[in-house]
Amino acid sequence: MSNQPRWAWWVVGIVIPVVGILVSIRLATNSGSGDDKGQPTNTGTSAPAASSGGNAPPASGGGNAPPANQPAKVLAGPVRVTLTEDAKRVDLDSVPPLAQTSDKGSDAWIGFNLPELELSQEGDVMATLSPEGPDPTRDDCVQAITKRGGSSSGVLAQGMRVCVQTGEGHTAYLRITAVPTRKGVTFEATVWE
């Protein structure tokens, strides 16, 4: 053997392969359901994305879509919300959106190990946006969710922007304003009807 201490061989022989396996599992679970990225599951109350000309007809069935050529009605926001380890869930359907400890009525929750935003409901109804550019409209968010919706934001960073379709069918836009490690995540939320 060499002059390396005995613990160094443990690191090489056991710890490094275990870390590799954990990373592989994490990557596999993030992309495991990636083959089925169609429409979000709660599309009954969302309007289809309108063209820039605004000539799209309103959604049929009396959903929450605004009439053609009119902007979507803001239900709440922009409002600042802080999630902590004690209250790591958010109800975006309440007015104003609330941090909460219970899963009841929760639309998303923060995992503080990375940190990342995860959905409380089933379906691919969360989409990240480019950190640059103007704040999106409701239609921009609906289009982003339809095209590339997922169930997780990935690792959160200050300035990150996320669109979410809520459990009650509202569309929400979140802009991350602070991500202090393991202490809380603060974002500004706008929710449309």
N, C-alpha and C. Protein backbone atom coordinates (compact mmCIF):
# COMPACT_ATOMS: atom_id res chain seq x y z
N MET A 1 0.82 -1.18 0.00
CA MET A 1 0.00 0.00 0.00
C MET A 1 0.87 1.24 0.00
N SER A 2 0.20 2.38 -0.10
CA SER A 2 0.94 3.63 -0.13
C SER A 2 0.90 4.29 1.24
N ASN A 3 1.33 5.53 1.30
CA ASN A 3 1.37 6.28 2.55
C ASN A 3 0.04 6.94 2.88
N GLN A 4 -1.00 6.67 2.12
CA GLN A 4 -2.31 7.27 2.36
C GLN A 4 -2.92 6.73 3.64
N PRO A 5 -3.58 7.58 4.42
CA PRO A 5 -4.24 7.08 5.64
C PRO A 5 -5.39 6.15 5.28
N ARG A 6 -5.74 5.31 6.23
CA ARG A 6 -6.77 4.30 6.01
C ARG A 6 -8.12 4.94 5.63
N TRP A 7 -8.48 6.09 6.23
CA TRP A 7 -9.76 6.74 5.93
C TRP A 7 -9.84 7.19 4.48
N ALA A 8 -8.71 7.51 3.87
CA ALA A 8 -8.72 7.95 2.48
C ALA A 8 -9.20 6.83 1.56
N TRP A 9 -8.85 5.59 1.89
CA TRP A 9 -9.30 4.47 1.07
C TRP A 9 -10.80 4.25 1.23
N TRP A 10 -11.34 4.53 2.43
CA TRP A 10 -12.78 4.45 2.63
C TRP A 10 -13.50 5.46 1.75
N VAL A 11 -12.97 6.66 1.66
CA VAL A 11 -13.57 7.69 0.82
C VAL A 11 -13.58 7.25 -0.63
N VAL A 12 -12.45 6.76 -1.10
CA VAL A 12 -12.34 6.33 -2.49
C VAL A 12 -13.21 5.11 -2.76
N GLY A 13 -13.21 4.17 -1.84
CA GLY A 13 -13.89 2.90 -2.08
C GLY A 13 -15.38 2.90 -1.80
N ILE A 14 -15.85 3.75 -0.91
CA ILE A 14 -17.26 3.69 -0.52
C ILE A 14 -17.99 5.01 -0.75
N VAL A 15 -17.47 6.08 -0.21
CA VAL A 15 -18.19 7.35 -0.25
C VAL A 15 -18.38 7.85 -1.67
N ILE A 16 -17.37 7.84 -2.47
CA ILE A 16 -17.48 8.35 -3.85
C ILE A 16 -18.48 7.55 -4.67
N PRO A 17 -18.47 6.21 -4.65
CA PRO A 17 -19.51 5.48 -5.40
C PRO A 17 -20.92 5.74 -4.88
N VAL A 18 -21.08 5.88 -3.56
CA VAL A 18 -22.41 6.15 -3.00
C VAL A 18 -22.91 7.51 -3.49
N VAL A 19 -22.05 8.52 -3.48
CA VAL A 19 -22.44 9.84 -3.98
C VAL A 19 -22.82 9.75 -5.46
N GLY A 20 -22.07 8.99 -6.23
CA GLY A 20 -22.39 8.81 -7.65
C GLY A 20 -23.75 8.16 -7.86
N ILE A 21 -24.06 7.17 -7.04
CA ILE A 21 -25.36 6.50 -7.14
C ILE A 21 -26.48 7.47 -6.78
N LEU A 22 -26.30 8.25 -5.71
CA LEU A 22 -27.33 9.21 -5.31
C LEU A 22 -27.57 10.26 -6.39
N VAL A 23 -26.51 10.75 -7.01
CA VAL A 23 -26.66 11.73 -8.10
C VAL A 23 -27.40 11.09 -9.27
N SER A 24 -27.07 9.85 -9.60
CA SER A 24 -27.75 9.16 -10.70
C SER A 24 -29.24 8.98 -10.42
N ILE A 25 -29.57 8.61 -9.18
CA ILE A 25 -30.97 8.45 -8.81
C ILE A 25 -31.70 9.78 -8.90
N ARG A 26 -31.07 10.84 -8.42
CA ARG A 26 -31.69 12.18 -8.45
C ARG A 26 -31.96 12.61 -9.89
N LEU A 27 -31.00 12.40 -10.77
CA LEU A 27 -31.19 12.78 -12.17
C LEU A 27 -32.26 11.92 -12.83
N ALA A 28 -32.31 10.64 -12.49
CA ALA A 28 -33.30 9.75 -13.08
C ALA A 28 -34.71 10.12 -12.63
N THR A 29 -34.88 10.51 -11.36
CA THR A 29 -36.22 10.86 -10.89
C THR A 29 -36.67 12.20 -11.44
N ASN A 30 -35.76 13.12 -11.74
CA ASN A 30 -36.15 14.40 -12.33
C ASN A 30 -36.58 14.25 -13.77
N SER A 31 -36.01 13.30 -14.49
CA SER A 31 -36.35 13.16 -15.90
C SER A 31 -37.12 11.89 -16.18
N GLY A 32 -37.50 11.13 -15.16
CA GLY A 32 -38.18 9.86 -15.35
C GLY A 32 -39.52 9.99 -16.03
N SER A 33 -40.28 11.03 -15.76
CA SER A 33 -41.59 11.19 -16.39
C SER A 33 -41.53 12.22 -17.50
N GLY A 34 -40.37 12.49 -18.04
CA GLY A 34 -40.20 13.51 -19.06
C GLY A 34 -40.77 13.14 -20.41
N ASP A 35 -41.11 11.84 -20.63
CA ASP A 35 -41.65 11.44 -21.91
C ASP A 35 -43.09 11.90 -22.10
N ASP A 36 -43.78 12.23 -21.02
CA ASP A 36 -45.19 12.57 -21.09
C ASP A 36 -45.40 14.02 -20.71
N LYS A 37 -44.84 14.93 -21.49
CA LYS A 37 -44.92 16.37 -21.18
C LYS A 37 -45.99 17.04 -22.03
N GLY A 38 -47.18 16.50 -22.06
CA GLY A 38 -48.25 17.08 -22.84
C GLY A 38 -48.93 18.21 -22.09
N GLN A 39 -50.25 18.30 -22.23
CA GLN A 39 -51.02 19.35 -21.58
C GLN A 39 -50.99 19.17 -20.07
N PRO A 40 -51.04 20.25 -19.32
CA PRO A 40 -51.17 20.13 -17.88
C PRO A 40 -52.49 19.45 -17.52
N THR A 41 -52.53 18.82 -16.35
CA THR A 41 -53.72 18.06 -16.00
C THR A 41 -54.90 18.93 -15.64
N ASN A 42 -54.71 20.15 -15.21
CA ASN A 42 -55.81 21.00 -14.78
C ASN A 42 -56.13 22.07 -15.82
N THR A 43 -56.25 21.70 -17.08
CA THR A 43 -56.45 22.70 -18.13
C THR A 43 -57.88 23.17 -18.25
N GLY A 44 -58.82 22.61 -17.53
CA GLY A 44 -60.22 22.99 -17.66
C GLY A 44 -60.49 24.43 -17.31
N THR A 45 -59.65 25.06 -16.49
CA THR A 45 -59.92 26.44 -16.10
C THR A 45 -58.89 27.41 -16.63
N SER A 46 -57.99 26.96 -17.47
CA SER A 46 -56.98 27.85 -18.03
C SER A 46 -57.31 28.18 -19.46
N ALA A 47 -56.99 29.38 -19.84
CA ALA A 47 -57.21 29.81 -21.22
C ALA A 47 -56.06 29.34 -22.08
N PRO A 48 -56.31 29.04 -23.36
CA PRO A 48 -55.21 28.75 -24.25
C PRO A 48 -54.40 30.02 -24.46
N ALA A 49 -53.14 29.86 -24.78
CA ALA A 49 -52.28 31.02 -24.99
C ALA A 49 -52.78 31.81 -26.19
N ALA A 50 -52.91 33.09 -26.02
CA ALA A 50 -53.39 33.95 -27.10
C ALA A 50 -52.21 34.43 -27.94
N SER A 51 -52.47 34.70 -29.21
CA SER A 51 -51.43 35.25 -30.06
C SER A 51 -51.20 36.70 -29.66
N SER A 52 -50.11 37.27 -30.16
CA SER A 52 -49.81 38.65 -29.77
C SER A 52 -50.87 39.62 -30.29
N GLY A 53 -51.63 39.22 -31.30
CA GLY A 53 -52.70 40.07 -31.80
C GLY A 53 -53.92 40.06 -30.90
N GLY A 54 -54.02 39.08 -30.01
CA GLY A 54 -55.12 39.02 -29.06
C GLY A 54 -56.45 38.65 -29.70
N ASN A 55 -56.45 37.94 -30.83
CA ASN A 55 -57.69 37.60 -31.51
C ASN A 55 -58.21 36.22 -31.14
N ALA A 56 -57.67 35.60 -30.11
CA ALA A 56 -58.12 34.27 -29.73
C ALA A 56 -59.47 34.37 -29.03
N PRO A 57 -60.37 33.43 -29.30
CA PRO A 57 -61.67 33.47 -28.62
C PRO A 57 -61.50 33.04 -27.17
N PRO A 58 -62.43 33.44 -26.30
CA PRO A 58 -62.34 33.01 -24.92
C PRO A 58 -62.53 31.51 -24.82
N ALA A 59 -62.01 30.92 -23.74
CA ALA A 59 -62.12 29.48 -23.55
C ALA A 59 -63.58 29.10 -23.38
N SER A 60 -63.96 27.96 -23.95
CA SER A 60 -65.34 27.51 -23.81
C SER A 60 -65.52 26.86 -22.45
N GLY A 61 -66.74 26.73 -22.02
CA GLY A 61 -67.02 26.05 -20.76
C GLY A 61 -67.00 26.97 -19.56
N GLY A 62 -66.88 28.29 -19.76
CA GLY A 62 -66.97 29.22 -18.64
C GLY A 62 -65.80 29.16 -17.70
N GLY A 63 -64.59 28.89 -18.21
CA GLY A 63 -63.41 28.86 -17.36
C GLY A 63 -63.05 30.24 -16.85
N ASN A 64 -61.86 30.38 -16.33
CA ASN A 64 -61.41 31.64 -15.76
C ASN A 64 -60.77 32.56 -16.79
N ALA A 65 -60.91 32.28 -18.06
CA ALA A 65 -60.25 33.07 -19.09
C ALA A 65 -60.92 34.43 -19.23
N PRO A 66 -60.11 35.49 -19.42
CA PRO A 66 -60.70 36.80 -19.67
C PRO A 66 -61.25 36.85 -21.08
N PRO A 67 -62.19 37.75 -21.35
CA PRO A 67 -62.69 37.90 -22.72
C PRO A 67 -61.54 38.30 -23.65
N ALA A 68 -61.73 38.02 -24.94
CA ALA A 68 -60.70 38.35 -25.93
C ALA A 68 -60.40 39.84 -25.90
N ASN A 69 -59.16 40.20 -26.17
CA ASN A 69 -58.68 41.58 -26.22
C ASN A 69 -58.70 42.29 -24.87
N GLN A 70 -58.85 41.57 -23.78
CA GLN A 70 -58.80 42.17 -22.45
C GLN A 70 -57.76 41.43 -21.61
N PRO A 71 -57.01 42.17 -20.80
CA PRO A 71 -56.01 41.50 -19.97
C PRO A 71 -56.68 40.65 -18.89
N ALA A 72 -55.96 39.65 -18.41
CA ALA A 72 -56.47 38.80 -17.34
C ALA A 72 -56.59 39.60 -16.06
N LYS A 73 -57.59 39.29 -15.26
CA LYS A 73 -57.82 39.99 -13.99
C LYS A 73 -56.86 39.44 -12.94
N VAL A 74 -56.17 40.36 -12.26
CA VAL A 74 -55.24 39.97 -11.20
C VAL A 74 -56.05 39.64 -9.95
N LEU A 75 -55.87 38.44 -9.44
CA LEU A 75 -56.53 38.01 -8.21
C LEU A 75 -55.76 38.52 -6.99
N ALA A 76 -54.43 38.49 -7.07
CA ALA A 76 -53.58 38.96 -5.97
C ALA A 76 -52.21 39.32 -6.51
N GLY A 77 -51.61 40.35 -5.93
CA GLY A 77 -50.22 40.65 -6.23
C GLY A 77 -50.00 41.88 -7.05
N PRO A 78 -48.72 42.16 -7.21
CA PRO A 78 -47.62 41.37 -6.64
C PRO A 78 -47.57 41.52 -5.11
N VAL A 79 -47.36 40.39 -4.45
CA VAL A 79 -47.29 40.35 -2.99
C VAL A 79 -46.07 39.51 -2.59
N ARG A 80 -45.40 39.94 -1.54
CA ARG A 80 -44.20 39.24 -1.06
C ARG A 80 -44.61 38.11 -0.12
N VAL A 81 -44.06 36.90 -0.36
CA VAL A 81 -44.33 35.73 0.47
C VAL A 81 -42.99 35.12 0.86
N THR A 82 -42.84 34.76 2.13
CA THR A 82 -41.62 34.10 2.60
C THR A 82 -41.99 32.73 3.14
N LEU A 83 -41.33 31.70 2.62
CA LEU A 83 -41.50 30.33 3.11
C LEU A 83 -40.30 29.98 3.97
N THR A 84 -40.55 29.33 5.10
CA THR A 84 -39.50 28.92 6.03
C THR A 84 -39.59 27.41 6.25
N GLU A 85 -38.65 26.86 7.01
CA GLU A 85 -38.73 25.44 7.30
C GLU A 85 -39.98 25.10 8.12
N ASP A 86 -40.47 26.03 8.91
CA ASP A 86 -41.69 25.80 9.69
C ASP A 86 -42.95 25.96 8.84
N ALA A 87 -42.95 26.85 7.90
CA ALA A 87 -44.09 27.09 7.00
C ALA A 87 -43.56 27.05 5.58
N LYS A 88 -43.33 25.83 5.07
CA LYS A 88 -42.66 25.67 3.77
C LYS A 88 -43.62 25.44 2.61
N ARG A 89 -44.91 25.56 2.83
CA ARG A 89 -45.90 25.37 1.77
C ARG A 89 -46.58 26.70 1.47
N VAL A 90 -47.09 26.84 0.23
CA VAL A 90 -47.76 28.08 -0.15
C VAL A 90 -49.10 27.75 -0.80
N ASP A 91 -50.13 28.49 -0.40
CA ASP A 91 -51.44 28.42 -1.02
C ASP A 91 -51.58 29.65 -1.90
N LEU A 92 -51.44 29.46 -3.20
CA LEU A 92 -51.50 30.58 -4.14
C LEU A 92 -52.94 30.96 -4.49
N ASP A 93 -53.92 30.13 -4.12
CA ASP A 93 -55.32 30.43 -4.41
C ASP A 93 -55.94 31.33 -3.35
N SER A 94 -55.31 31.46 -2.18
CA SER A 94 -55.85 32.36 -1.16
C SER A 94 -55.48 33.80 -1.53
N VAL A 95 -56.27 34.75 -1.05
CA VAL A 95 -56.01 36.16 -1.34
C VAL A 95 -55.71 36.86 -0.02
N PRO A 96 -54.50 37.30 0.21
CA PRO A 96 -53.31 37.13 -0.62
C PRO A 96 -52.74 35.72 -0.44
N PRO A 97 -51.81 35.30 -1.34
CA PRO A 97 -51.16 33.99 -1.18
C PRO A 97 -50.51 33.88 0.20
N LEU A 98 -50.63 32.68 0.81
CA LEU A 98 -50.18 32.50 2.18
C LEU A 98 -49.17 31.37 2.31
N ALA A 99 -48.15 31.59 3.15
CA ALA A 99 -47.27 30.51 3.59
C ALA A 99 -48.05 29.71 4.62
N GLN A 100 -47.89 28.39 4.61
CA GLN A 100 -48.63 27.57 5.56
C GLN A 100 -47.85 26.33 5.93
N THR A 101 -48.26 25.71 7.04
CA THR A 101 -47.59 24.50 7.53
C THR A 101 -48.27 23.25 7.02
N SER A 102 -49.54 23.32 6.67
CA SER A 102 -50.33 22.16 6.26
C SER A 102 -50.29 21.97 4.75
N ASP A 103 -50.46 20.73 4.32
CA ASP A 103 -50.53 20.42 2.90
C ASP A 103 -51.91 20.76 2.32
N LYS A 104 -52.92 20.94 3.18
CA LYS A 104 -54.28 21.21 2.72
C LYS A 104 -54.34 22.55 1.99
N GLY A 105 -54.75 22.50 0.73
CA GLY A 105 -54.86 23.71 -0.08
C GLY A 105 -53.54 24.20 -0.63
N SER A 106 -52.48 23.51 -0.33
CA SER A 106 -51.14 23.93 -0.76
C SER A 106 -50.96 23.68 -2.26
N ASP A 107 -50.34 24.64 -2.94
CA ASP A 107 -50.05 24.50 -4.36
C ASP A 107 -48.61 24.08 -4.62
N ALA A 108 -47.70 24.48 -3.74
CA ALA A 108 -46.29 24.15 -3.91
C ALA A 108 -45.61 24.18 -2.55
N TRP A 109 -44.43 23.59 -2.48
CA TRP A 109 -43.65 23.58 -1.25
C TRP A 109 -42.17 23.69 -1.58
N ILE A 110 -41.41 24.14 -0.61
CA ILE A 110 -39.98 24.31 -0.78
C ILE A 110 -39.25 23.15 -0.13
N GLY A 111 -38.35 22.54 -0.88
CA GLY A 111 -37.40 21.58 -0.32
C GLY A 111 -36.14 22.36 0.01
N PHE A 112 -35.76 22.40 1.27
CA PHE A 112 -34.66 23.26 1.69
C PHE A 112 -33.28 22.65 1.53
N ASN A 113 -33.17 21.38 1.17
CA ASN A 113 -31.84 20.81 1.00
C ASN A 113 -31.12 21.41 -0.19
N LEU A 114 -31.85 21.70 -1.28
CA LEU A 114 -31.19 22.23 -2.48
C LEU A 114 -31.14 23.75 -2.56
N PRO A 115 -32.03 24.60 -2.34
CA PRO A 115 -33.49 24.51 -2.24
C PRO A 115 -34.15 24.51 -3.61
N GLU A 116 -35.34 23.93 -3.68
CA GLU A 116 -36.11 23.93 -4.92
C GLU A 116 -37.59 23.98 -4.61
N LEU A 117 -38.37 24.43 -5.57
CA LEU A 117 -39.81 24.53 -5.44
C LEU A 117 -40.43 23.29 -6.07
N GLU A 118 -41.30 22.61 -5.34
CA GLU A 118 -41.97 21.39 -5.82
C GLU A 118 -43.48 21.61 -5.80
N LEU A 119 -44.18 20.91 -6.67
CA LEU A 119 -45.64 20.99 -6.71
C LEU A 119 -46.27 20.14 -5.62
N SER A 120 -47.40 20.58 -5.09
CA SER A 120 -48.15 19.78 -4.13
C SER A 120 -49.16 18.89 -4.84
N GLN A 121 -49.58 19.26 -6.04
CA GLN A 121 -50.55 18.47 -6.78
C GLN A 121 -49.85 17.68 -7.88
N GLU A 122 -50.57 16.73 -8.48
CA GLU A 122 -50.04 15.93 -9.57
C GLU A 122 -50.04 16.75 -10.86
N GLY A 123 -49.14 16.42 -11.76
CA GLY A 123 -49.14 17.03 -13.07
C GLY A 123 -47.94 17.92 -13.31
N ASP A 124 -47.74 18.23 -14.55
CA ASP A 124 -46.62 19.08 -14.96
C ASP A 124 -47.15 20.48 -15.19
N VAL A 125 -47.35 21.22 -14.11
CA VAL A 125 -47.99 22.53 -14.19
C VAL A 125 -47.10 23.63 -13.60
N MET A 126 -45.78 23.47 -13.75
CA MET A 126 -44.82 24.48 -13.31
C MET A 126 -43.79 24.65 -14.43
N ALA A 127 -43.46 25.90 -14.74
CA ALA A 127 -42.46 26.16 -15.78
C ALA A 127 -41.55 27.29 -15.33
N THR A 128 -40.25 27.12 -15.52
CA THR A 128 -39.32 28.21 -15.22
C THR A 128 -39.18 29.09 -16.46
N LEU A 129 -38.94 30.36 -16.22
CA LEU A 129 -38.76 31.35 -17.28
C LEU A 129 -37.34 31.87 -17.24
N SER A 130 -36.92 32.50 -18.31
CA SER A 130 -35.62 33.15 -18.35
C SER A 130 -35.58 34.23 -17.26
N PRO A 131 -34.45 34.39 -16.57
CA PRO A 131 -34.40 35.40 -15.51
C PRO A 131 -34.44 36.84 -16.03
N GLU A 132 -34.21 37.05 -17.32
CA GLU A 132 -34.24 38.39 -17.89
C GLU A 132 -35.57 38.65 -18.56
N GLY A 133 -35.83 39.93 -18.80
CA GLY A 133 -37.02 40.32 -19.55
C GLY A 133 -38.11 40.86 -18.66
N PRO A 134 -39.18 41.34 -19.30
CA PRO A 134 -40.30 41.91 -18.54
C PRO A 134 -41.08 40.80 -17.82
N ASP A 135 -41.84 41.20 -16.81
CA ASP A 135 -42.70 40.24 -16.13
C ASP A 135 -43.68 39.66 -17.15
N PRO A 136 -43.95 38.36 -17.07
CA PRO A 136 -44.85 37.74 -18.04
C PRO A 136 -46.31 38.10 -17.77
N THR A 137 -47.12 37.95 -18.80
CA THR A 137 -48.57 38.07 -18.65
C THR A 137 -49.11 36.70 -18.27
N ARG A 138 -50.39 36.65 -17.96
CA ARG A 138 -51.02 35.37 -17.67
C ARG A 138 -50.89 34.44 -18.87
N ASP A 139 -51.12 34.96 -20.07
CA ASP A 139 -51.02 34.13 -21.27
C ASP A 139 -49.60 33.63 -21.49
N ASP A 140 -48.59 34.45 -21.18
CA ASP A 140 -47.20 34.00 -21.28
C ASP A 140 -46.96 32.81 -20.36
N CYS A 141 -47.48 32.89 -19.14
CA CYS A 141 -47.31 31.79 -18.18
C CYS A 141 -48.05 30.53 -18.64
N VAL A 142 -49.29 30.68 -19.12
CA VAL A 142 -50.05 29.53 -19.59
C VAL A 142 -49.30 28.85 -20.74
N GLN A 143 -48.77 29.65 -21.65
CA GLN A 143 -48.03 29.10 -22.79
C GLN A 143 -46.77 28.37 -22.32
N ALA A 144 -46.03 28.95 -21.37
CA ALA A 144 -44.82 28.31 -20.85
C ALA A 144 -45.15 26.99 -20.17
N ILE A 145 -46.22 26.95 -19.38
CA ILE A 145 -46.62 25.72 -18.69
C ILE A 145 -47.04 24.66 -19.70
N THR A 146 -47.78 25.07 -20.74
CA THR A 146 -48.23 24.13 -21.75
C THR A 146 -47.06 23.53 -22.52
N LYS A 147 -46.08 24.35 -22.88
CA LYS A 147 -44.96 23.90 -23.70
C LYS A 147 -43.92 23.11 -22.92
N ARG A 148 -43.61 23.54 -21.69
CA ARG A 148 -42.50 22.89 -20.99
C ARG A 148 -42.76 22.72 -19.49
N GLY A 149 -44.01 22.45 -19.15
CA GLY A 149 -44.37 22.28 -17.75
C GLY A 149 -43.71 21.07 -17.12
N GLY A 150 -43.38 21.20 -15.85
CA GLY A 150 -42.80 20.12 -15.08
C GLY A 150 -43.35 20.16 -13.67
N SER A 151 -42.75 19.38 -12.77
CA SER A 151 -43.25 19.33 -11.40
C SER A 151 -42.27 19.94 -10.41
N SER A 152 -41.14 20.47 -10.91
CA SER A 152 -40.13 21.05 -10.03
C SER A 152 -39.45 22.22 -10.72
N SER A 153 -39.00 23.17 -9.92
CA SER A 153 -38.32 24.34 -10.47
C SER A 153 -36.85 24.09 -10.72
N GLY A 154 -36.29 23.06 -10.10
CA GLY A 154 -34.84 22.92 -10.05
C GLY A 154 -34.33 23.80 -8.93
N VAL A 155 -33.03 23.88 -8.79
CA VAL A 155 -32.44 24.64 -7.68
C VAL A 155 -32.79 26.12 -7.83
N LEU A 156 -33.31 26.70 -6.76
CA LEU A 156 -33.73 28.11 -6.78
C LEU A 156 -32.54 29.05 -6.64
N ALA A 157 -32.64 30.18 -7.31
CA ALA A 157 -31.62 31.23 -7.21
C ALA A 157 -32.34 32.57 -7.23
N GLN A 158 -31.70 33.56 -6.65
CA GLN A 158 -32.29 34.90 -6.65
C GLN A 158 -32.49 35.37 -8.09
N GLY A 159 -33.65 35.94 -8.37
CA GLY A 159 -33.97 36.40 -9.72
C GLY A 159 -34.67 35.37 -10.57
N MET A 160 -34.70 34.12 -10.13
CA MET A 160 -35.37 33.06 -10.88
C MET A 160 -36.86 33.36 -10.98
N ARG A 161 -37.48 32.99 -12.11
CA ARG A 161 -38.90 33.26 -12.34
C ARG A 161 -39.60 31.95 -12.69
N VAL A 162 -40.77 31.74 -12.08
CA VAL A 162 -41.50 30.48 -12.22
C VAL A 162 -42.98 30.77 -12.43
N CYS A 163 -43.61 30.04 -13.34
CA CYS A 163 -45.06 30.09 -13.53
C CYS A 163 -45.66 28.79 -13.01
N VAL A 164 -46.82 28.88 -12.34
CA VAL A 164 -47.47 27.72 -11.74
C VAL A 164 -48.96 27.79 -12.03
N GLN A 165 -49.55 26.64 -12.37
CA GLN A 165 -51.01 26.55 -12.42
C GLN A 165 -51.44 25.98 -11.07
N THR A 166 -52.33 26.67 -10.37
CA THR A 166 -52.71 26.29 -9.01
C THR A 166 -53.72 25.15 -9.01
N GLY A 167 -53.97 24.62 -7.84
CA GLY A 167 -54.95 23.54 -7.69
C GLY A 167 -56.35 23.95 -8.08
N GLU A 168 -56.68 25.24 -7.96
CA GLU A 168 -58.00 25.74 -8.34
C GLU A 168 -58.02 26.29 -9.76
N GLY A 169 -56.94 26.09 -10.52
CA GLY A 169 -56.91 26.49 -11.92
C GLY A 169 -56.44 27.90 -12.19
N HIS A 170 -56.01 28.64 -11.18
CA HIS A 170 -55.46 29.98 -11.41
C HIS A 170 -54.04 29.85 -11.94
N THR A 171 -53.57 30.91 -12.56
CA THR A 171 -52.19 30.95 -13.04
C THR A 171 -51.43 31.93 -12.17
N ALA A 172 -50.24 31.53 -11.72
CA ALA A 172 -49.44 32.36 -10.83
C ALA A 172 -48.04 32.54 -11.39
N TYR A 173 -47.47 33.70 -11.11
CA TYR A 173 -46.09 34.03 -11.49
C TYR A 173 -45.32 34.34 -10.21
N LEU A 174 -44.19 33.66 -10.01
CA LEU A 174 -43.35 33.87 -8.83
C LEU A 174 -41.97 34.33 -9.27
N ARG A 175 -41.48 35.40 -8.65
CA ARG A 175 -40.10 35.86 -8.89
C ARG A 175 -39.36 35.75 -7.56
N ILE A 176 -38.32 34.92 -7.55
CA ILE A 176 -37.56 34.67 -6.33
C ILE A 176 -36.72 35.91 -6.01
N THR A 177 -36.88 36.44 -4.79
CA THR A 177 -36.15 37.65 -4.40
C THR A 177 -35.05 37.37 -3.39
N ALA A 178 -35.13 36.26 -2.65
CA ALA A 178 -34.07 35.92 -1.68
C ALA A 178 -34.08 34.42 -1.43
N VAL A 179 -32.87 33.83 -1.38
CA VAL A 179 -32.72 32.41 -1.11
C VAL A 179 -31.60 32.21 -0.10
N PRO A 180 -31.78 32.65 1.16
CA PRO A 180 -30.75 32.37 2.15
C PRO A 180 -30.78 30.89 2.51
N THR A 181 -29.63 30.26 2.52
CA THR A 181 -29.54 28.82 2.72
C THR A 181 -30.22 28.38 4.01
N ARG A 182 -31.16 27.45 3.87
CA ARG A 182 -31.85 26.79 4.98
C ARG A 182 -32.60 27.72 5.93
N LYS A 183 -32.82 28.97 5.56
CA LYS A 183 -33.52 29.90 6.44
C LYS A 183 -34.88 30.30 5.89
N GLY A 184 -35.03 30.32 4.60
CA GLY A 184 -36.29 30.72 4.00
C GLY A 184 -36.09 31.11 2.56
N VAL A 185 -37.18 31.16 1.84
CA VAL A 185 -37.16 31.60 0.45
C VAL A 185 -38.24 32.67 0.33
N THR A 186 -37.88 33.83 -0.21
CA THR A 186 -38.83 34.92 -0.39
C THR A 186 -39.06 35.13 -1.88
N PHE A 187 -40.32 35.33 -2.25
CA PHE A 187 -40.65 35.60 -3.64
C PHE A 187 -41.81 36.58 -3.71
N GLU A 188 -41.92 37.23 -4.87
CA GLU A 188 -43.07 38.07 -5.15
C GLU A 188 -44.01 37.25 -6.02
N ALA A 189 -45.27 37.21 -5.65
CA ALA A 189 -46.25 36.40 -6.36
C ALA A 189 -47.34 37.28 -6.96
N THR A 190 -47.71 36.96 -8.20
CA THR A 190 -48.88 37.55 -8.85
C THR A 190 -49.75 36.38 -9.28
N VAL A 191 -51.03 36.43 -8.95
CA VAL A 191 -51.95 35.35 -9.30
C VAL A 191 -53.10 35.95 -10.10
N TRP A 192 -53.39 35.32 -11.25
CA TRP A 192 -54.49 35.77 -12.10
C TRP A 192 -55.67 34.83 -11.96
N GLU A 193 -56.88 35.35 -12.23
CA GLU A 193 -58.08 34.51 -12.23
C GLU A 193 -58.06 33.58 -13.41
